[in-house]
């Protein structure tokens, strides 16, 4: 049986970075939906706030700046989706 650890490994961090980069790439290549933007926000939140990640002040600032940007993108996409839904029902 494999032991579960609460701490995050270097491989886990690599997977998080890869998943985040993939999601951002997919978004930038035309899949600009609120669900994908939300996933990017969640991944960045995890990277910026996980207590076991060995963050320097520079990397934490980078994650937080990216997080601010993607939260704004996510907010704008949700607003646009709500506006488009409202137009359909009128």
Protein backbone atom coordinates (compact mmCIF):
# COMPACT_ATOMS: atom_id res chain seq x y z
CA UNK A 1 0.00 0.00 0.00
CA UNK A 2 1.30 3.45 -0.95
CA UNK A 3 1.54 5.97 1.87
CA UNK A 4 -0.26 9.27 1.38
CA UNK A 5 1.70 12.39 2.32
CA UNK A 6 0.33 15.83 2.98
CA UNK A 7 3.45 17.50 1.60
CA UNK A 8 3.77 18.28 -2.07
CA UNK A 9 6.60 16.78 -4.13
CA UNK A 10 8.68 18.31 -6.91
CA UNK A 11 6.76 16.12 -9.38
CA UNK A 12 3.47 17.47 -8.04
CA UNK A 13 4.67 21.04 -8.54
CA UNK A 14 5.75 20.15 -12.06
CA UNK A 15 2.31 18.71 -12.79
CA UNK A 16 0.63 21.83 -11.40
CA UNK A 17 2.81 24.07 -13.56
CA UNK A 18 2.14 21.91 -16.62
CA UNK A 19 -1.62 21.87 -16.01
CA UNK A 20 -1.64 25.64 -15.54
CA UNK A 21 0.40 26.27 -18.69
CA UNK A 22 -1.81 23.89 -20.69
CA UNK A 23 -4.99 25.60 -19.52
CA UNK A 24 -3.61 29.07 -20.32
CA UNK A 25 -2.47 27.85 -23.76
CA UNK A 26 -5.87 26.33 -24.51
CA UNK A 27 -7.55 29.57 -23.48
CA UNK A 28 -5.24 31.69 -25.62
CA UNK A 29 -5.75 29.42 -28.63
CA UNK A 30 -9.45 30.13 -28.74
CA UNK A 31 -11.15 28.08 -26.05
CA UNK A 32 -12.19 31.17 -24.13
CA UNK A 33 -14.91 29.83 -21.90
CA UNK A 34 -15.67 30.70 -18.28
CA UNK A 35 -15.07 27.11 -17.13
CA UNK A 36 -11.50 27.12 -18.41
CA UNK A 37 -10.83 30.59 -16.96
CA UNK A 38 -12.19 29.34 -13.64
CA UNK A 39 -9.87 26.31 -13.77
CA UNK A 40 -6.91 28.61 -14.37
CA UNK A 41 -7.92 30.71 -11.35
CA UNK A 42 -8.20 27.61 -9.17
CA UNK A 43 -4.81 26.30 -10.26
CA UNK A 44 -3.16 29.67 -9.63
CA UNK A 45 -4.84 29.96 -6.23
CA UNK A 46 -3.45 26.58 -5.31
CA UNK A 47 0.03 27.50 -6.51
CA UNK A 48 -0.02 30.85 -4.71
CA UNK A 49 -1.37 29.66 -1.38
CA UNK A 50 -0.33 26.05 -0.81
CA UNK A 51 1.67 25.96 2.42
CA UNK A 52 4.01 23.18 1.24
CA UNK A 53 5.17 24.90 -1.95
CA UNK A 54 8.67 26.30 -1.65
CA UNK A 55 7.89 29.83 -2.87
CA UNK A 56 10.31 32.71 -3.07
CA UNK A 57 8.89 36.20 -2.74
CA UNK A 58 9.37 36.63 -6.50
CA UNK A 59 7.48 33.46 -7.43
CA UNK A 60 4.68 34.25 -4.96
CA UNK A 61 4.36 37.75 -6.46
CA UNK A 62 4.27 36.22 -9.94
CA UNK A 63 1.49 33.79 -8.98
CA UNK A 64 -0.48 36.54 -7.25
CA UNK A 65 -0.18 38.89 -10.25
CA UNK A 66 -1.28 36.10 -12.59
CA UNK A 67 -4.10 35.25 -10.22
CA UNK A 68 -5.33 38.88 -10.20
CA UNK A 69 -5.25 38.97 -14.00
CA UNK A 70 -7.10 35.67 -14.45
CA UNK A 71 -9.70 36.55 -11.81
CA UNK A 72 -10.49 39.66 -13.85
CA UNK A 73 -10.67 37.62 -17.07
CA UNK A 74 -12.93 35.10 -15.34
CA UNK A 75 -15.19 37.87 -14.01
CA UNK A 76 -15.50 39.50 -17.44
CA UNK A 77 -16.30 36.18 -19.14
CA UNK A 78 -19.00 35.37 -16.59
CA UNK A 79 -20.49 38.83 -17.03
CA UNK A 80 -20.46 38.50 -20.83
CA UNK A 81 -22.08 35.05 -20.60
CA UNK A 82 -24.82 36.42 -18.32
CA UNK A 83 -25.43 39.32 -20.70
CA UNK A 84 -25.64 36.97 -23.70
CA UNK A 85 -28.08 34.74 -21.79
CA UNK A 86 -30.22 37.76 -20.94
CA UNK A 87 -30.37 38.75 -24.62
CA UNK A 88 -31.58 35.28 -25.58
CA UNK A 89 -34.48 35.45 -23.15
CA UNK A 90 -35.68 38.91 -24.23
